[in-house]
Amino acid sequence: MNTPYPKPISPTETRVGWIGIGVMGSAMAARLLSAGYPLTIYARTPSKSLALQSQGALLAVSPADVAKASDVVFTMLGHPSDVRQIVLDNANGVLAGLNPGGVIVDNTSSHPALAREIFTTAREKDCWAVDAPVSGGDIGAREGKLAIFAGGDSGVVKWLSPLFDVMGRVTYMGRAGCGQSCKIANQITVGANLVGLSEGLLFAERAGLDKRQFLEAVRSGAAGSMVMELFGERMIGKDFRPGGFAEYMVKDLGMGVDVVEEDGDNVVVLPGAALSKQLFSGMVANGDGKLGTQDKYIGYMGNLIDCLLGK
């Protein structure tokens, strides 16, 4: 079977569920509502769902009830432990309520092994699971320009493409868990870019350069990056509002640094990622875990350099 349903996805035929309405999830869900899809949502704090309800979303009392009312259920949660509880709980989880042939799509940045477990459990219930974490932050979520990394059955991912297209651009990465592995690799790259951008801005400032002029000068060269476009101006303006929480970067980098593949104990030594994790962990330890990933690293490094210089 290439797709779970004989009918193609459309706003008139496909019922969508959504669980997880934080900074990213609420923006992604709102785009589906704007595209005309009927949406049933669940929120552990119901008051946070009022904006989506005002746009037409229906509020359910449990993840299982969302699943019963949906053909496709999206989850956008914080940690793998949240995913396990919301999806796999025997009484009230998504898979406890999902009808045969239904699909769960997990957009959470989670663990590849958990994605494979969910896929296997879904198939045992004659359902499907796709791990599809995203990159692009709050701006990408609002504008429908997310990069989406999908793992699972290729036919199901193709069938889901009308929904993915509302949120961004999907790339099929391979079997279950490959979407999550791609996101971890993405975060390793992003973490290194954030550290480099922060230190570049710090050096430019200490050298007496105008920081905005510095960005404009280098953005079209080899130093330019999407990280610079998304976060450079925020760093300069000390805008630390979260597009993605700093504490989630610690989680994502941790899955890369600490992962041990079950299929052969293939451990990759990643000193750069380990350093990035340590730096972001310092932010969390200083109480800034709920700020954005652009966070205050540049400030921390500035204070350190001033101390070293005796200022």
C-alpha atoms as a PDB file:
ATOM      1  CA  MET A   1       0.000   0.000   0.000  1.00  0.00           C
ATOM      2  CA  ASN A   2       1.525   3.303  -1.103  1.00  0.00           C
ATOM      3  CA  THR A   3      -0.811   5.567   0.840  1.00  0.00           C
ATOM      4  CA  PRO A   4      -3.075   4.992   3.833  1.00  0.00           C
ATOM      5  CA  TYR A   5      -6.159   6.314   2.064  1.00  0.00           C
ATOM      6  CA  PRO A   6      -7.542   6.024  -1.456  1.00  0.00           C
ATOM      7  CA  LYS A   7      -8.455   9.728  -1.441  1.00  0.00           C
ATOM      8  CA  PRO A   8      -5.818  12.435  -1.833  1.00  0.00           C
ATOM      9  CA  ILE A   9      -5.419  14.917   0.982  1.00  0.00           C
ATOM     10  CA  SER A  10      -7.626  18.005   0.732  1.00  0.00           C
ATOM     11  CA  PRO A  11      -9.307  20.452   3.131  1.00  0.00           C
ATOM     12  CA  THR A  12     -12.698  18.920   2.346  1.00  0.00           C
ATOM     13  CA  GLU A  13     -11.657  15.298   2.855  1.00  0.00           C
ATOM     14  CA  THR A  14      -8.889  15.254   5.478  1.00  0.00           C
ATOM     15  CA  ARG A  15      -9.405  15.789   9.201  1.00  0.00           C
ATOM     16  CA  VAL A  16      -6.257  17.037  10.949  1.00  0.00           C
ATOM     17  CA  GLY A  17      -5.308  16.879  14.628  1.00  0.00           C
ATOM     18  CA  TRP A  18      -2.645  18.951  16.340  1.00  0.00           C
ATOM     19  CA  ILE A  19      -0.959  18.504  19.726  1.00  0.00           C
ATOM     20  CA  GLY A  20       1.636  20.984  20.954  1.00  0.00           C
ATOM     21  CA  ILE A  21       0.853  24.689  20.561  1.00  0.00           C
ATOM     22  CA  GLY A  22       4.000  26.429  21.723  1.00  0.00           C
ATOM     23  CA  VAL A  23       5.910  29.025  19.712  1.00  0.00           C
ATOM     24  CA  MET A  24       6.424  26.731  16.724  1.00  0.00           C
ATOM     25  CA  GLY A  25       3.382  24.487  16.974  1.00  0.00           C
ATOM     26  CA  SER A  26       0.834  27.283  17.194  1.00  0.00           C
ATOM     27  CA  ALA A  27       2.231  28.976  14.080  1.00  0.00           C
ATOM     28  CA  MET A  28       2.267  25.722  12.105  1.00  0.00           C
ATOM     29  CA  ALA A  29      -1.266  24.827  13.196  1.00  0.00           C
ATOM     30  CA  ALA A  30      -2.487  28.302  12.275  1.00  0.00           C
ATOM     31  CA  ARG A  31      -1.185  27.855   8.743  1.00  0.00           C
ATOM     32  CA  LEU A  32      -3.197  24.644   8.347  1.00  0.00           C
ATOM     33  CA  LEU A  33      -6.318  26.449   9.573  1.00  0.00           C
ATOM     34  CA  SER A  34      -5.674  29.278   7.120  1.00  0.00           C
ATOM     35  CA  ALA A  35      -5.372  26.692   4.334  1.00  0.00           C
ATOM     36  CA  GLY A  36      -8.893  25.491   5.169  1.00  0.00           C
ATOM     37  CA  TYR A  37      -8.157  22.231   7.002  1.00  0.00           C
ATOM     38  CA  PRO A  38     -10.495  21.337   9.887  1.00  0.00           C
ATOM     39  CA  LEU A  39      -8.354  21.128  12.997  1.00  0.00           C
ATOM     40  CA  THR A  40      -8.857  19.397  16.345  1.00  0.00           C
ATOM     41  CA  ILE A  41      -6.329  20.316  18.994  1.00  0.00           C
ATOM     42  CA  TYR A  42      -5.261  19.291  22.495  1.00  0.00           C
ATOM     43  CA  ALA A  43      -3.489  21.497  25.031  1.00  0.00           C
ATOM     44  CA  ARG A  44      -2.387  20.587  28.522  1.00  0.00           C
ATOM     45  CA  THR A  45      -3.123  24.243  29.356  1.00  0.00           C
ATOM     46  CA  PRO A  46      -6.440  24.877  27.540  1.00  0.00           C
ATOM     47  CA  SER A  47      -6.182  28.671  27.854  1.00  0.00           C
ATOM     48  CA  LYS A  48      -3.211  28.606  25.473  1.00  0.00           C
ATOM     49  CA  SER A  49      -5.507  27.297  22.726  1.00  0.00           C
ATOM     50  CA  LEU A  50      -7.840  30.314  22.643  1.00  0.00           C
ATOM     51  CA  ALA A  51      -6.151  31.971  19.648  1.00  0.00           C
ATOM     52  CA  LEU A  52      -6.436  28.794  17.565  1.00  0.00           C
ATOM     53  CA  GLN A  53     -10.007  28.242  18.725  1.00  0.00           C
ATOM     54  CA  SER A  54     -10.856  31.748  17.553  1.00  0.00           C
ATOM     55  CA  GLN A  55      -9.636  30.689  14.099  1.00  0.00           C
ATOM     56  CA  GLY A  56     -11.922  27.647  14.089  1.00  0.00           C
ATOM     57  CA  ALA A  57      -9.973  24.887  15.850  1.00  0.00           C
ATOM     58  CA  LEU A  58     -11.898  22.475  18.077  1.00  0.00           C
ATOM     59  CA  LEU A  59     -10.484  21.627  21.515  1.00  0.00           C
ATOM     60  CA  ALA A  60     -10.395  17.954  22.584  1.00  0.00           C
ATOM     61  CA  VAL A  61      -9.984  16.659  26.135  1.00  0.00           C
ATOM     62  CA  SER A  62      -7.173  14.157  25.456  1.00  0.00           C
ATOM     63  CA  PRO A  63      -4.652  13.116  22.789  1.00  0.00           C
ATOM     64  CA  ALA A  64      -6.728   9.965  22.173  1.00  0.00           C
ATOM     65  CA  ASP A  65      -9.799  12.088  21.478  1.00  0.00           C
ATOM     66  CA  VAL A  66      -7.821  14.188  18.994  1.00  0.00           C
ATOM     67  CA  ALA A  67      -6.805  10.981  17.238  1.00  0.00           C
ATOM     68  CA  LYS A  68     -10.364   9.619  17.114  1.00  0.00           C
ATOM     69  CA  ALA A  69     -11.483  12.783  15.336  1.00  0.00           C
ATOM     70  CA  SER A  70      -8.561  12.918  12.879  1.00  0.00           C
ATOM     71  CA  ASP A  71      -7.078  11.211   9.851  1.00  0.00           C
ATOM     72  CA  VAL A  72      -3.650  12.759  10.432  1.00  0.00           C
ATOM     73  CA  VAL A  73      -2.341  13.875  13.844  1.00  0.00           C
ATOM     74  CA  PHE A  74       0.656  16.179  14.192  1.00  0.00           C
ATOM     75  CA  THR A  75       2.651  16.478  17.411  1.00  0.00           C
ATOM     76  CA  MET A  76       5.059  19.337  18.155  1.00  0.00           C
ATOM     77  CA  LEU A  77       6.298  18.825  21.704  1.00  0.00           C
ATOM     78  CA  GLY A  78       9.304  19.650  23.850  1.00  0.00           C
ATOM     79  CA  HIS A  79      11.174  16.496  24.793  1.00  0.00           C
ATOM     80  CA  PRO A  80      11.235  12.790  23.871  1.00  0.00           C
ATOM     81  CA  SER A  81       9.607  12.043  27.240  1.00  0.00           C
ATOM     82  CA  ASP A  82       6.658  14.239  26.210  1.00  0.00           C
ATOM     83  CA  VAL A  83       6.400  12.407  22.889  1.00  0.00           C
ATOM     84  CA  ARG A  84       6.404   9.013  24.606  1.00  0.00           C
ATOM     85  CA  GLN A  85       3.625  10.050  26.986  1.00  0.00           C
ATOM     86  CA  ILE A  86       1.426  11.803  24.412  1.00  0.00           C
ATOM     87  CA  VAL A  87       1.816   9.199  21.676  1.00  0.00           C
ATOM     88  CA  LEU A  88       2.291   5.837  23.408  1.00  0.00           C
ATOM     89  CA  ASP A  89       0.202   6.094  26.597  1.00  0.00           C
ATOM     90  CA  ASN A  90      -2.030   3.022  26.527  1.00  0.00           C
ATOM     91  CA  ALA A  91      -5.104   4.824  27.854  1.00  0.00           C
ATOM     92  CA  ASN A  92      -5.057   8.346  26.437  1.00  0.00           C
ATOM     93  CA  GLY A  93      -2.235   8.442  23.891  1.00  0.00           C
ATOM     94  CA  VAL A  94      -2.557   9.221  20.208  1.00  0.00           C
ATOM     95  CA  LEU A  95      -2.090   5.609  19.130  1.00  0.00           C
ATOM     96  CA  ALA A  96      -4.745   4.506  21.626  1.00  0.00           C
ATOM     97  CA  GLY A  97      -7.318   6.541  19.704  1.00  0.00           C
ATOM     98  CA  LEU A  98      -6.046   6.583  16.117  1.00  0.00           C
ATOM     99  CA  ASN A  99      -8.273   4.729  13.663  1.00  0.00           C
ATOM    100  CA  PRO A 100      -6.789   2.017  11.402  1.00  0.00           C
ATOM    101  CA  GLY A 101      -5.016   3.646   8.486  1.00  0.00           C
ATOM    102  CA  GLY A 102      -4.496   6.849  10.454  1.00  0.00           C
ATOM    103  CA  VAL A 103      -1.176   8.670  10.445  1.00  0.00           C
ATOM    104  CA  ILE A 104       0.784  10.328  13.227  1.00  0.00           C
ATOM    105  CA  VAL A 105       3.416  12.883  12.218  1.00  0.00           C
ATOM    106  CA  ASP A 106       5.859  13.872  14.957  1.00  0.00           C
ATOM    107  CA  ASN A 107       7.442  17.272  14.294  1.00  0.00           C
ATOM    108  CA  THR A 108       9.210  17.259  17.663  1.00  0.00           C
ATOM    109  CA  SER A 109      13.005  17.130  17.701  1.00  0.00           C
ATOM    110  CA  SER A 110      13.215  13.730  19.342  1.00  0.00           C
ATOM    111  CA  HIS A 111      15.305  10.573  19.480  1.00  0.00           C
ATOM    112  CA  PRO A 112      15.695   8.330  16.397  1.00  0.00           C
ATOM    113  CA  ALA A 113      15.174   5.182  18.495  1.00  0.00           C
ATOM    114  CA  LEU A 114      11.864   6.517  19.828  1.00  0.00           C
ATOM    115  CA  ALA A 115      10.763   7.339  16.278  1.00  0.00           C
ATOM    116  CA  ARG A 116      11.421   3.738  15.261  1.00  0.00           C
ATOM    117  CA  GLU A 117       9.511   2.466  18.299  1.00  0.00           C
ATOM    118  CA  ILE A 118       6.508   4.640  17.433  1.00  0.00           C
ATOM    119  CA  PHE A 119       6.614   3.476  13.810  1.00  0.00           C
ATOM    120  CA  THR A 120       6.630  -0.184  14.871  1.00  0.00           C
ATOM    121  CA  THR A 121       3.818   0.326  17.379  1.00  0.00           C
ATOM    122  CA  ALA A 122       1.747   2.209  14.801  1.00  0.00           C
ATOM    123  CA  ARG A 123       2.122  -0.570  12.231  1.00  0.00           C
ATOM    124  CA  GLU A 124       0.991  -3.133  14.812  1.00  0.00           C
ATOM    125  CA  LYS A 125      -2.239  -1.107  15.038  1.00  0.00           C
ATOM    126  CA  ASP A 126      -2.521  -0.845  11.243  1.00  0.00           C
ATOM    127  CA  CYS A 127      -1.581   2.830  11.423  1.00  0.00           C
ATOM    128  CA  TRP A 128       1.398   4.800  10.115  1.00  0.00           C
ATOM    129  CA  ALA A 129       3.990   7.037  11.759  1.00  0.00           C
ATOM    130  CA  VAL A 130       6.304   9.631  10.228  1.00  0.00           C
ATOM    131  CA  ASP A 131       9.060  11.434  12.109  1.00  0.00           C
ATOM    132  CA  ALA A 132       9.297  14.896  10.562  1.00  0.00           C
ATOM    133  CA  PRO A 133      11.239  17.396  12.704  1.00  0.00           C
ATOM    134  CA  VAL A 134      11.650  20.878  11.295  1.00  0.00           C
ATOM    135  CA  SER A 135      14.177  23.692  11.056  1.00  0.00           C
ATOM    136  CA  GLY A 136      13.597  27.369  10.456  1.00  0.00           C
ATOM    137  CA  GLY A 137      12.502  28.774  13.797  1.00  0.00           C
ATOM    138  CA  ASP A 138       9.447  30.878  14.521  1.00  0.00           C
ATOM    139  CA  ILE A 139       9.895  32.967  11.372  1.00  0.00           C
ATOM    140  CA  GLY A 140       9.939  29.885   9.152  1.00  0.00           C
ATOM    141  CA  ALA A 141       6.895  28.512  10.958  1.00  0.00           C
ATOM    142  CA  ARG A 142       4.876  31.698  10.481  1.00  0.00           C
ATOM    143  CA  GLU A 143       5.873  32.129   6.848  1.00  0.00           C
ATOM    144  CA  GLY A 144       5.539  28.480   5.815  1.00  0.00           C
ATOM    145  CA  LYS A 145       9.231  28.206   4.987  1.00  0.00           C
ATOM    146  CA  LEU A 146      10.321  25.413   7.300  1.00  0.00           C
ATOM    147  CA  ALA A 147      12.755  22.723   6.232  1.00  0.00           C
ATOM    148  CA  ILE A 148      11.043  19.416   7.080  1.00  0.00           C
ATOM    149  CA  PHE A 149      13.034  16.177   7.429  1.00  0.00           C
ATOM    150  CA  ALA A 150      10.811  13.115   7.041  1.00  0.00           C
ATOM    151  CA  GLY A 151      11.480   9.504   7.997  1.00  0.00           C
ATOM    152  CA  GLY A 152       9.164   6.525   7.554  1.00  0.00           C
ATOM    153  CA  ASP A 153       7.318   5.005   4.614  1.00  0.00           C
ATOM    154  CA  SER A 154       8.059   6.966   1.428  1.00  0.00           C
ATOM    155  CA  GLY A 155       4.525   6.486   0.061  1.00  0.00           C
ATOM    156  CA  VAL A 156       2.968   7.901   3.213  1.00  0.00           C
ATOM    157  CA  VAL A 157       5.345  10.878   3.166  1.00  0.00           C
ATOM    158  CA  LYS A 158       4.419  11.570  -0.456  1.00  0.00           C
ATOM    159  CA  TRP A 159       0.712  11.286   0.398  1.00  0.00           C
ATOM    160  CA  LEU A 160       1.215  13.840   3.203  1.00  0.00           C
ATOM    161  CA  SER A 161       2.908  16.365   0.912  1.00  0.00           C
ATOM    162  CA  PRO A 162      -0.118  18.718   0.594  1.00  0.00           C
ATOM    163  CA  LEU A 163       0.015  19.239   4.364  1.00  0.00           C
ATOM    164  CA  PHE A 164       3.787  19.593   4.440  1.00  0.00           C
ATOM    165  CA  ASP A 165       3.635  22.107   1.578  1.00  0.00           C
ATOM    166  CA  VAL A 166       1.541  24.435   3.743  1.00  0.00           C
ATOM    167  CA  MET A 167       4.337  24.513   6.326  1.00  0.00           C
ATOM    168  CA  GLY A 168       7.474  24.417   4.185  1.00  0.00           C
ATOM    169  CA  ARG A 169       9.576  22.077   2.063  1.00  0.00           C
ATOM    170  CA  VAL A 170       9.797  18.391   2.937  1.00  0.00           C
ATOM    171  CA  THR A 171      12.728  16.109   2.134  1.00  0.00           C
ATOM    172  CA  TYR A 172      12.329  12.350   2.509  1.00  0.00           C
ATOM    173  CA  MET A 173      15.365  11.108   4.430  1.00  0.00           C
ATOM    174  CA  GLY A 174      14.731   7.351   4.630  1.00  0.00           C
ATOM    175  CA  ARG A 175      13.327   4.788   7.061  1.00  0.00           C
ATOM    176  CA  ALA A 176      11.784   5.597  10.431  1.00  0.00           C
ATOM    177  CA  GLY A 177      14.200   7.582  12.599  1.00  0.00           C
ATOM    178  CA  CYS A 178      16.091   9.131   9.681  1.00  0.00           C
ATOM    179  CA  GLY A 179      14.145  12.372   9.981  1.00  0.00           C
ATOM    180  CA  GLN A 180      15.279  12.689  13.592  1.00  0.00           C
ATOM    181  CA  SER A 181      18.874  11.819  12.708  1.00  0.00           C
ATOM    182  CA  CYS A 182      18.815  14.570  10.067  1.00  0.00           C
ATOM    183  CA  LYS A 183      17.524  17.080  12.625  1.00  0.00           C
ATOM    184  CA  ILE A 184      20.314  16.192  15.053  1.00  0.00           C
ATOM    185  CA  ALA A 185      22.880  16.740  12.284  1.00  0.00           C
ATOM    186  CA  ASN A 186      21.103  20.009  11.466  1.00  0.00           C
ATOM    187  CA  GLN A 187      21.362  21.176  15.072  1.00  0.00           C
ATOM    188  CA  ILE A 188      25.050  20.283  15.253  1.00  0.00           C
ATOM    189  CA  THR A 189      25.568  22.536  12.223  1.00  0.00           C
ATOM    190  CA  VAL A 190      23.324  25.315  13.560  1.00  0.00           C
ATOM    191  CA  GLY A 191      25.005  25.234  16.978  1.00  0.00           C
ATOM    192  CA  ALA A 192      28.429  25.694  15.438  1.00  0.00           C
ATOM    193  CA  ASN A 193      27.108  28.533  13.263  1.00  0.00           C
ATOM    194  CA  LEU A 194      25.586  30.311  16.268  1.00  0.00           C
ATOM    195  CA  VAL A 195      28.860  30.122  18.186  1.00  0.00           C
ATOM    196  CA  GLY A 196      30.802  31.419  15.170  1.00  0.00           C
ATOM    197  CA  LEU A 197      28.322  34.235  14.509  1.00  0.00           C
ATOM    198  CA  SER A 198      28.356  35.283  18.178  1.00  0.00           C
ATOM    199  CA  GLU A 199      32.141  35.400  18.343  1.00  0.00           C
ATOM    200  CA  GLY A 200      32.382  37.161  14.983  1.00  0.00           C
ATOM    201  CA  LEU A 201      30.028  39.889  16.186  1.00  0.00           C
ATOM    202  CA  LEU A 202      31.914  40.138  19.463  1.00  0.00           C
ATOM    203  CA  PHE A 203      35.268  40.504  17.719  1.00  0.00           C
ATOM    204  CA  ALA A 204      33.818  43.101  15.323  1.00  0.00           C
ATOM    205  CA  GLU A 205      32.473  45.111  18.253  1.00  0.00           C
ATOM    206  CA  ARG A 206      35.732  44.988  20.196  1.00  0.00           C
ATOM    207  CA  ALA A 207      37.622  45.996  17.044  1.00  0.00           C
ATOM    208  CA  GLY A 208      35.486  49.122  16.768  1.00  0.00           C
ATOM    209  CA  LEU A 209      33.428  48.033  13.754  1.00  0.00           C
ATOM    210  CA  ASP A 210      29.775  48.822  13.248  1.00  0.00           C
ATOM    211  CA  LYS A 211      28.141  45.422  13.796  1.00  0.00           C
ATOM    212  CA  ARG A 212      25.373  45.928  11.218  1.00  0.00           C
ATOM    213  CA  GLN A 213      27.918  47.067   8.638  1.00  0.00           C
ATOM    214  CA  PHE A 214      29.963  43.978   9.452  1.00  0.00           C
ATOM    215  CA  LEU A 215      26.950  41.717   8.757  1.00  0.00           C
ATOM    216  CA  GLU A 216      26.186  43.503   5.507  1.00  0.00           C
ATOM    217  CA  ALA A 217      29.813  43.204   4.401  1.00  0.00           C
ATOM    218  CA  VAL A 218      30.147  39.454   4.983  1.00  0.00           C
ATOM    219  CA  ARG A 219      26.629  38.081   4.390  1.00  0.00           C
ATOM    220  CA  SER A 220      27.179  37.521   0.650  1.00  0.00           C
ATOM    221  CA  GLY A 221      30.548  35.825   1.195  1.00  0.00           C
ATOM    222  CA  ALA A 222      31.559  32.500   2.687  1.00  0.00           C
ATOM    223  CA  ALA A 223      30.579  33.627   6.204  1.00  0.00           C
ATOM    224  CA  GLY A 224      26.960  34.190   5.174  1.00  0.00           C
ATOM    225  CA  SER A 225      24.375  31.667   6.352  1.00  0.00           C
ATOM    226  CA  MET A 226      20.705  31.221   7.155  1.00  0.00           C
ATOM    227  CA  VAL A 227      21.709  31.405  10.827  1.00  0.00           C
ATOM    228  CA  MET A 228      23.071  34.879  10.148  1.00  0.00           C
ATOM    229  CA  GLU A 229      19.867  35.900   8.374  1.00  0.00           C
ATOM    230  CA  LEU A 230      17.629  34.559  11.139  1.00  0.00           C
ATOM    231  CA  PHE A 231      19.602  35.616  14.194  1.00  0.00           C
ATOM    232  CA  GLY A 232      22.222  38.246  13.306  1.00  0.00           C
ATOM    233  CA  GLU A 233      19.970  41.264  13.709  1.00  0.00           C
ATOM    234  CA  ARG A 234      18.361  39.735  16.806  1.00  0.00           C
ATOM    235  CA  MET A 235      21.768  39.349  18.430  1.00  0.00           C
ATOM    236  CA  ILE A 236      22.715  42.941  17.647  1.00  0.00           C
ATOM    237  CA  GLY A 237      19.393  44.233  18.962  1.00  0.00           C
ATOM    238  CA  LYS A 238      19.593  42.012  22.070  1.00  0.00           C
ATOM    239  CA  ASP A 239      16.311  40.423  21.057  1.00  0.00           C
ATOM    240  CA  PHE A 240      16.363  37.102  22.883  1.00  0.00           C
ATOM    241  CA  ARG A 241      12.717  36.140  22.375  1.00  0.00           C
ATOM    242  CA  PRO A 242      12.570  32.431  21.520  1.00  0.00           C
ATOM    243  CA  GLY A 243      12.136  31.084  18.034  1.00  0.00           C
ATOM    244  CA  GLY A 244      13.415  27.899  19.624  1.00  0.00           C
ATOM    245  CA  PHE A 245      14.383  27.571  23.283  1.00  0.00           C
ATOM    246  CA  ALA A 246      18.067  27.450  24.256  1.00  0.00           C
ATOM    247  CA  GLU A 247      17.285  24.467  26.490  1.00  0.00           C
ATOM    248  CA  TYR A 248      16.063  22.552  23.437  1.00  0.00           C
ATOM    249  CA  MET A 249      19.420  23.114  21.758  1.00  0.00           C
ATOM    250  CA  VAL A 250      21.031  21.396  24.755  1.00  0.00           C
ATOM    251  CA  LYS A 251      18.606  18.489  24.298  1.00  0.00           C
ATOM    252  CA  ASP A 252      19.232  18.213  20.546  1.00  0.00           C
ATOM    253  CA  LEU A 253      23.009  18.491  20.783  1.00  0.00           C
ATOM    254  CA  GLY A 254      22.941  15.993  23.639  1.00  0.00           C
ATOM    255  CA  MET A 255      21.240  13.422  21.421  1.00  0.00           C
ATOM    256  CA  GLY A 256      24.066  13.879  18.920  1.00  0.00           C
ATOM    257  CA  VAL A 257      26.920  13.823  21.408  1.00  0.00           C
ATOM    258  CA  ASP A 258      25.559  11.015  23.571  1.00  0.00           C
ATOM    259  CA  VAL A 259      23.855   8.778  21.000  1.00  0.00           C
ATOM    260  CA  VAL A 260      24.905   5.152  20.685  1.00  0.00           C
ATOM    261  CA  GLU A 261      23.420   3.443  17.650  1.00  0.00           C
ATOM    262  CA  GLU A 262      21.725   0.182  18.535  1.00  0.00           C
ATOM    263  CA  ASP A 263      22.642  -1.356  15.197  1.00  0.00           C
ATOM    264  CA  GLY A 264      26.364  -1.674  15.806  1.00  0.00           C
ATOM    265  CA  ASP A 265      27.588   0.655  18.544  1.00  0.00           C
ATOM    266  CA  ASN A 266      28.647   3.272  16.003  1.00  0.00           C
ATOM    267  CA  VAL A 267      29.743   6.150  18.228  1.00  0.00           C
ATOM    268  CA  VAL A 268      30.848   9.367  16.516  1.00  0.00           C
ATOM    269  CA  VAL A 269      33.197  11.633  18.469  1.00  0.00           C
ATOM    270  CA  LEU A 270      32.013  15.212  17.969  1.00  0.00           C
ATOM    271  CA  PRO A 271      34.239  17.661  19.882  1.00  0.00           C
ATOM    272  CA  GLY A 272      32.692  20.736  18.257  1.00  0.00           C
ATOM    273  CA  ALA A 273      29.161  19.635  19.105  1.00  0.00           C
ATOM    274  CA  ALA A 274      30.263  18.800  22.641  1.00  0.00           C
ATOM    275  CA  LEU A 275      31.656  22.333  23.036  1.00  0.00           C
ATOM    276  CA  SER A 276      28.450  23.857  21.649  1.00  0.00           C
ATOM    277  CA  LYS A 277      26.401  21.792  24.081  1.00  0.00           C
ATOM    278  CA  GLN A 278      28.594  22.943  26.961  1.00  0.00           C
ATOM    279  CA  LEU A 279      28.160  26.605  25.993  1.00  0.00           C
ATOM    280  CA  PHE A 280      24.381  26.317  25.643  1.00  0.00           C
ATOM    281  CA  SER A 281      24.259  24.366  28.904  1.00  0.00           C
ATOM    282  CA  GLY A 282      25.933  27.344  30.533  1.00  0.00           C
ATOM    283  CA  MET A 283      23.096  29.556  29.339  1.00  0.00           C
ATOM    284  CA  VAL A 284      20.549  27.175  30.814  1.00  0.00           C
ATOM    285  CA  ALA A 285      22.461  27.029  34.094  1.00  0.00           C
ATOM    286  CA  ASN A 286      22.348  30.822  34.216  1.00  0.00           C
ATOM    287  CA  GLY A 287      18.550  30.756  33.986  1.00  0.00           C
ATOM    288  CA  ASP A 288      18.217  31.540  30.279  1.00  0.00           C
ATOM    289  CA  GLY A 289      16.924  28.185  29.044  1.00  0.00           C
ATOM    290  CA  LYS A 290      13.606  29.685  27.921  1.00  0.00           C
ATOM    291  CA  LEU A 291      15.251  32.392  25.839  1.00  0.00           C
ATOM    292  CA  GLY A 292      15.995  31.979  22.152  1.00  0.00           C
ATOM    293  CA  THR A 293      18.887  29.995  20.768  1.00  0.00           C
ATOM    294  CA  GLN A 294      20.507  33.313  19.774  1.00  0.00           C
ATOM    295  CA  ASP A 295      20.491  34.032  23.536  1.00  0.00           C
ATOM    296  CA  LYS A 296      23.185  35.899  25.463  1.00  0.00           C
ATOM    297  CA  TYR A 297      26.287  33.997  24.388  1.00  0.00           C
ATOM    298  CA  ILE A 298      27.790  37.149  22.899  1.00  0.00           C
ATOM    299  CA  GLY A 299      27.294  38.891  26.251  1.00  0.00           C
ATOM    300  CA  TYR A 300      28.861  36.044  28.213  1.00  0.00           C
ATOM    301  CA  MET A 301      31.904  35.998  25.946  1.00  0.00           C
ATOM    302  CA  GLY A 302      32.203  39.784  26.130  1.00  0.00           C
ATOM    303  CA  ASN A 303      32.263  39.704  29.913  1.00  0.00           C
ATOM    304  CA  LEU A 304      34.843  36.898  29.851  1.00  0.00           C
ATOM    305  CA  ILE A 305      37.118  38.780  27.482  1.00  0.00           C
ATOM    306  CA  ASP A 306      36.791  41.959  29.534  1.00  0.00           C
ATOM    307  CA  CYS A 307      37.853  39.998  32.625  1.00  0.00           C
ATOM    308  CA  LEU A 308      40.838  38.537  30.806  1.00  0.00           C
ATOM    309  CA  LEU A 309      41.833  42.015  29.653  1.00  0.00           C
ATOM    310  CA  GLY A 310      41.444  43.392  33.169  1.00  0.00           C
ATOM    311  CA  LYS A 311      38.641  45.796  32.199  1.00  0.00           C
END
